[in-house]
Amino acid sequence: MKQLFLISIAVSICFSLMVPALHAGKLSSVRDATRKPRPSKHKSSSRDHDDDQDDDDDDHRHSGKRRGSTRSRHRASNSNQFGISFYSADDCRSTCQPLRVQCPSAQSNQNLDGCYTADSYVVDEIISAPQPAPAPIRQQLDAWSHRVTLFGGTDFDDLEQAQFAWLAQQPGGLGLDLSAMMFREEDGHFRDSLWIGDANLMVEPVTGALRTRFGLGMNWLGDREGFEAGVNFTAGFDLHLDPLVVSGEVDLGTLGTADYSHCQLTLGCQVESVEWFAGYNRYEIGGTTLDGMIYGVRLRF
């Protein structure tokens, strides 16, 4: 009876240790995809590398000598061909004389016709129009528009998300796009979380009721195990149909060793500078999908 009791305890302990591994969720899959070991490239032996380096050095020295002699021959031939003489510094000092410029007076060289002779010259005074002073940096920044976004979301299962985003955009010019997203996954056996975000330099080619933007930047992932980053290309739009606002964005790039894509589409209602919206948000990272319905608020000023 005692042996059966000990066996049951050992089985329960092993099962409790296996539960987290059996219930590894989506965030764990994303974490593993972004940190896959990169394949190592074949490296030659140090002796072969040194021999190749020595051969390259010898080739460079011989080719340098050949180029030097060839360059000198071309210089001599080209000087005669185009009627241009090339002198060394010593030849110049022995043959060249200092140039003296005499500034004659206008009265001594003026003819009766009111013209000047060939050895005189006239200097005209050029008066340029005053250039407008550049606008202060404070005035340039005041022309930028800002959009702050806060939202939460869920996949109606065990994954929740929340994001803070800030977009600063000069109308028809450059802009800056920053975002940070927190994912939280939890069920009865485990709990996991990580952060995903991006930072992009934007440009806005189209303004008006439809505003489009494109940008290039970086993606990043942070969790308890470390930090990963990648390249990102982004595009987005805002379509204002007063009082409705349709917004969307697409991101393509990499994150660590994984492929990265993101799309978001929202429909909102804006009253003055506040927009309440709902929509859909989806991430594809290394073959794992993190998505859900989102709802939140945007502040525009």
Foldseek 3Di string as FASTA:
>chain_A
DVVVVVVVVVVVVVVLVCVCVVCPDLVNVLVCLLDPDDDDDDDDDPVVVVVVVVVVVVVVVVVVVVVVVVVVVVVVVVCVVVVHDDDDPVVCVVPPDDDDQDADDCVVQADPVRDGDPNHDDDDDDDDDDDDDDDDPVVQQVQKKKKWWWKKWDAVPFKIKIKIKMKIGRVQAKIKIWMKMKMWGDDPRDIAIKIKIWIWIKGWRDDDQKTKIWTKTKIKIDDPVGIWMKIKIKIKMWHCPVQKIKIKMKIWIAIRNWTKIKIWIWIWGDDDFKTWIKTKIWIAIRNRIDIGIMTTMMGMD
